[in-house]
Every structure is written in structure tokens, then in C-alpha cells.
C-alpha atoms as a PDB file:
ATOM      1  CA  MET A   1     105.382 127.992  86.436  1.00  0.00           C
ATOM      2  CA  ARG A   2     105.953 131.515  87.727  1.00  0.00           C
ATOM      3  CA  SER A   3     107.677 132.171  91.010  1.00  0.00           C
ATOM      4  CA  HIS A   4     104.497 133.168  92.867  1.00  0.00           C
ATOM      5  CA  GLU A   5     102.639 130.156  91.417  1.00  0.00           C
ATOM      6  CA  LYS A   6     105.448 127.856  92.536  1.00  0.00           C
ATOM      7  CA  GLN A   7     105.314 129.331  96.037  1.00  0.00           C
ATOM      8  CA  GLN A   8     101.515 129.001  96.127  1.00  0.00           C
ATOM      9  CA  PHE A   9     101.855 125.341  95.092  1.00  0.00           C
ATOM     10  CA  ALA A  10     104.493 124.783  97.787  1.00  0.00           C
ATOM     11  CA  ASN A  11     102.200 126.364 100.365  1.00  0.00           C
ATOM     12  CA  GLU A  12      99.290 124.104  99.350  1.00  0.00           C
ATOM     13  CA  VAL A  13     101.510 121.010  99.515  1.00  0.00           C
ATOM     14  CA  GLY A  14     102.725 122.162 102.923  1.00  0.00           C
ATOM     15  CA  LYS A  15      99.172 122.664 104.198  1.00  0.00           C
ATOM     16  CA  ARG A  16      98.143 119.163 103.119  1.00  0.00           C
ATOM     17  CA  LEU A  17     101.290 117.654 104.668  1.00  0.00           C
ATOM     18  CA  LYS A  18     100.560 119.510 107.905  1.00  0.00           C
ATOM     19  CA  GLU A  19      96.958 118.249 107.888  1.00  0.00           C
ATOM     20  CA  ALA A  20      98.166 114.661 107.358  1.00  0.00           C
ATOM     21  CA  TYR A  21     100.723 115.121 110.143  1.00  0.00           C
ATOM     22  CA  LYS A  22      98.035 116.368 112.559  1.00  0.00           C
ATOM     23  CA  ASN A  23      95.773 113.442 111.630  1.00  0.00           C
ATOM     24  CA  SER A  24      98.601 110.945 112.124  1.00  0.00           C
ATOM     25  CA  GLY A  25      98.616 111.264 115.892  1.00  0.00           C
ATOM     26  CA  LEU A  26     102.353 111.907 115.933  1.00  0.00           C
ATOM     27  CA  LYS A  27     103.453 114.381 118.596  1.00  0.00           C
ATOM     28  CA  SER A  28     106.683 115.694 117.068  1.00  0.00           C
ATOM     29  CA  TYR A  29     108.744 115.821 113.912  1.00  0.00           C
ATOM     30  CA  LYS A  30     111.177 113.545 115.745  1.00  0.00           C
ATOM     31  CA  GLU A  31     108.434 110.904 115.976  1.00  0.00           C
ATOM     32  CA  LEU A  32     107.764 111.375 112.265  1.00  0.00           C
ATOM     33  CA  ALA A  33     111.478 110.972 111.529  1.00  0.00           C
ATOM     34  CA  ASP A  34     111.539 107.804 113.645  1.00  0.00           C
ATOM     35  CA  ARG A  35     108.541 106.401 111.754  1.00  0.00           C
ATOM     36  CA  ILE A  36     110.172 107.209 108.417  1.00  0.00           C
ATOM     37  CA  ASP A  37     113.344 105.470 109.598  1.00  0.00           C
ATOM     38  CA  SER A  38     111.398 102.409 110.807  1.00  0.00           C
ATOM     39  CA  LEU A  39     109.890 102.081 107.325  1.00  0.00           C
ATOM     40  CA  GLY A  40     113.380 101.886 105.806  1.00  0.00           C
ATOM     41  CA  TRP A  41     113.594 105.391 104.325  1.00  0.00           C
ATOM     42  CA  GLU A  42     116.671 107.564 104.808  1.00  0.00           C
ATOM     43  CA  VAL A  43     115.523 111.134 105.416  1.00  0.00           C
ATOM     44  CA  SER A  44     117.355 113.579 107.649  1.00  0.00           C
ATOM     45  CA  ALA A  45     115.266 114.450 110.706  1.00  0.00           C
ATOM     46  CA  ASP A  46     116.578 118.019 110.451  1.00  0.00           C
ATOM     47  CA  SER A  47     115.131 118.442 106.950  1.00  0.00           C
ATOM     48  CA  ILE A  48     111.558 117.425 107.803  1.00  0.00           C
ATOM     49  CA  PRO A  49     110.263 120.699 109.348  1.00  0.00           C
ATOM     50  CA  LYS A  50     111.016 122.788 106.255  1.00  0.00           C
ATOM     51  CA  TYR A  51     108.122 121.091 104.428  1.00  0.00           C
ATOM     52  CA  PHE A  52     105.510 122.080 107.026  1.00  0.00           C
ATOM     53  CA  PRO A  53     103.949 125.547 107.424  1.00  0.00           C
ATOM     54  CA  GLY A  54     104.590 127.095 110.807  1.00  0.00           C
ATOM     55  CA  ALA A  55     107.737 125.057 111.426  1.00  0.00           C
ATOM     56  CA  LYS A  56     110.874 126.840 112.587  1.00  0.00           C
ATOM     57  CA  GLU A  57     113.051 125.653 109.707  1.00  0.00           C
ATOM     58  CA  LYS A  58     112.144 128.077 106.910  1.00  0.00           C
ATOM     59  CA  ASP A  59     114.724 129.677 104.703  1.00  0.00           C
ATOM     60  CA  ALA A  60     115.765 133.330 104.811  1.00  0.00           C
ATOM     61  CA  GLU A  61     112.906 134.383 102.534  1.00  0.00           C
ATOM     62  CA  ASN A  62     110.359 132.578 104.737  1.00  0.00           C
ATOM     63  CA  THR A  63     109.270 130.340 101.867  1.00  0.00           C
ATOM     64  CA  MET A  64     108.011 126.780 101.942  1.00  0.00           C
ATOM     65  CA  HIS A  65     109.944 123.991 100.256  1.00  0.00           C
ATOM     66  CA  ILE A  66     108.536 121.282  98.014  1.00  0.00           C
ATOM     67  CA  PRO A  67     109.915 117.858  98.929  1.00  0.00           C
ATOM     68  CA  GLY A  68     111.629 115.876  96.194  1.00  0.00           C
ATOM     69  CA  ALA A  69     110.117 112.591  95.036  1.00  0.00           C
ATOM     70  CA  TYR A  70     112.044 110.422  97.512  1.00  0.00           C
ATOM     71  CA  VAL A  71     111.255 112.571 100.565  1.00  0.00           C
ATOM     72  CA  LEU A  72     107.644 112.989  99.450  1.00  0.00           C
ATOM     73  CA  ALA A  73     107.227 109.215  99.130  1.00  0.00           C
ATOM     74  CA  ALA A  74     108.729 108.717 102.604  1.00  0.00           C
ATOM     75  CA  LEU A  75     106.512 111.383 104.176  1.00  0.00           C
ATOM     76  CA  CYS A  76     103.384 110.018 102.510  1.00  0.00           C
ATOM     77  CA  GLU A  77     104.050 106.446 103.583  1.00  0.00           C
ATOM     78  CA  ALA A  78     104.836 107.517 107.151  1.00  0.00           C
ATOM     79  CA  LEU A  79     101.702 109.683 107.300  1.00  0.00           C
ATOM     80  CA  SER A  80      99.489 107.073 105.549  1.00  0.00           C
ATOM     81  CA  VAL A  81      98.374 109.486 102.862  1.00  0.00           C
ATOM     82  CA  SER A  82      98.593 109.274  99.073  1.00  0.00           C
ATOM     83  CA  ILE A  83     101.043 111.294  97.044  1.00  0.00           C
ATOM     84  CA  ASP A  84      98.128 112.259  94.779  1.00  0.00           C
ATOM     85  CA  TYR A  85      96.337 113.870  97.689  1.00  0.00           C
ATOM     86  CA  ILE A  86      99.401 115.800  98.863  1.00  0.00           C
ATOM     87  CA  LEU A  87     100.141 117.139  95.375  1.00  0.00           C
ATOM     88  CA  THR A  88      96.620 117.820  94.116  1.00  0.00           C
ATOM     89  CA  GLY A  89      94.241 117.769  97.050  1.00  0.00           C
ATOM     90  CA  ARG A  90      92.439 114.833  95.425  1.00  0.00           C
ATOM     91  CA  ASP A  91      93.026 111.141  95.750  1.00  0.00           C
ATOM     92  CA  MET A  92      92.934 109.177  92.490  1.00  0.00           C
ATOM     93  CA  TYR A  93      91.231 106.314  94.324  1.00  0.00           C
ATOM     94  CA  ASP A  94      88.371 108.641  95.280  1.00  0.00           C
ATOM     95  CA  ASP A  95      87.850 109.419  91.594  1.00  0.00           C
ATOM     96  CA  VAL A  96      87.903 105.707  90.685  1.00  0.00           C
ATOM     97  CA  LEU A  97      85.464 104.797  93.472  1.00  0.00           C
ATOM     98  CA  LYS A  98      83.157 107.641  92.463  1.00  0.00           C
ATOM     99  CA  LYS A  99      83.030 106.305  88.902  1.00  0.00           C
ATOM    100  CA  VAL A 100      82.368 102.765  90.163  1.00  0.00           C
ATOM    101  CA  PHE A 101      79.529 103.914  92.423  1.00  0.00           C
ATOM    102  CA  GLU A 102      78.067 106.105  89.671  1.00  0.00           C
ATOM    103  CA  SER A 103      78.085 103.210  87.214  1.00  0.00           C
ATOM    104  CA  ASP A 104      76.595 100.817  89.812  1.00  0.00           C
ATOM    105  CA  SER A 105      73.847 103.256  90.785  1.00  0.00           C
ATOM    106  CA  GLY A 106      72.750 103.524  87.170  1.00  0.00           C
ATOM    107  CA  LYS A 107      71.899  99.798  86.986  1.00  0.00           C
ATOM    108  CA  THR A 108      68.225  98.977  87.405  1.00  0.00           C
ATOM    109  CA  ASP A 109      68.185  95.214  86.871  1.00  0.00           C
ATOM    110  CA  GLY A 110      69.664  94.364  90.297  1.00  0.00           C
ATOM    111  CA  LYS A 111      73.026  93.210  88.916  1.00  0.00           C
END
């Protein structure tokens, strides 16, 4: 993956994390850190903002950071969103449900 592609991916991940954060009803990154802690994860409250666009904690080049697997899992659980959605913009369960509904809608015998 080229540098600009990696940054574009990081930006997309950041946008989806920010959307999930807004939808969570949490009022601050401190509240998010507290929720993460209450779920048993160990993530530094100071590190959380660097994964969200528009946060103060960006590096010198003003680039977004991609969370590692552990932090991503903690963020997703705390924000009640799937890792699939954060990484791809799609939820694997949506794809499964779509296939189920498509197969059920094709039945004509009432079963």
C-alpha cells in the first residue's frame, strides 16, 4: 500500500470511528475512555483522540493514525460497532442478512 493510500485508508477509518462516536451519545473522549475501562480494556485515555479526525492530538504531519488490533477492538466494543464496519464501511452481518432475505424472497411455496 502506498503512502497516500495508507493515509486515505486511515482517514476513512477515522471518519467511521468519529461517526460511531457521535452516534454513541458520549460527550467526551474521557467518557469513551471510561467506557473502555469499564469493559476491561486497557487503553490510554491520552491515545484515543489521535484516531479521530478533528481531534487535537494529531502528529506533526497532521496525519491520522490507524489503531492497532487491540485498540480497535476496544474502541469498537465501547462504541457498539463492528470492526468490519470500521475497516471497510460494510458490516459482514449486513451481507449475510441480505443473502438470507434474497434467498427467502425467491421462495414461492410459502416455506
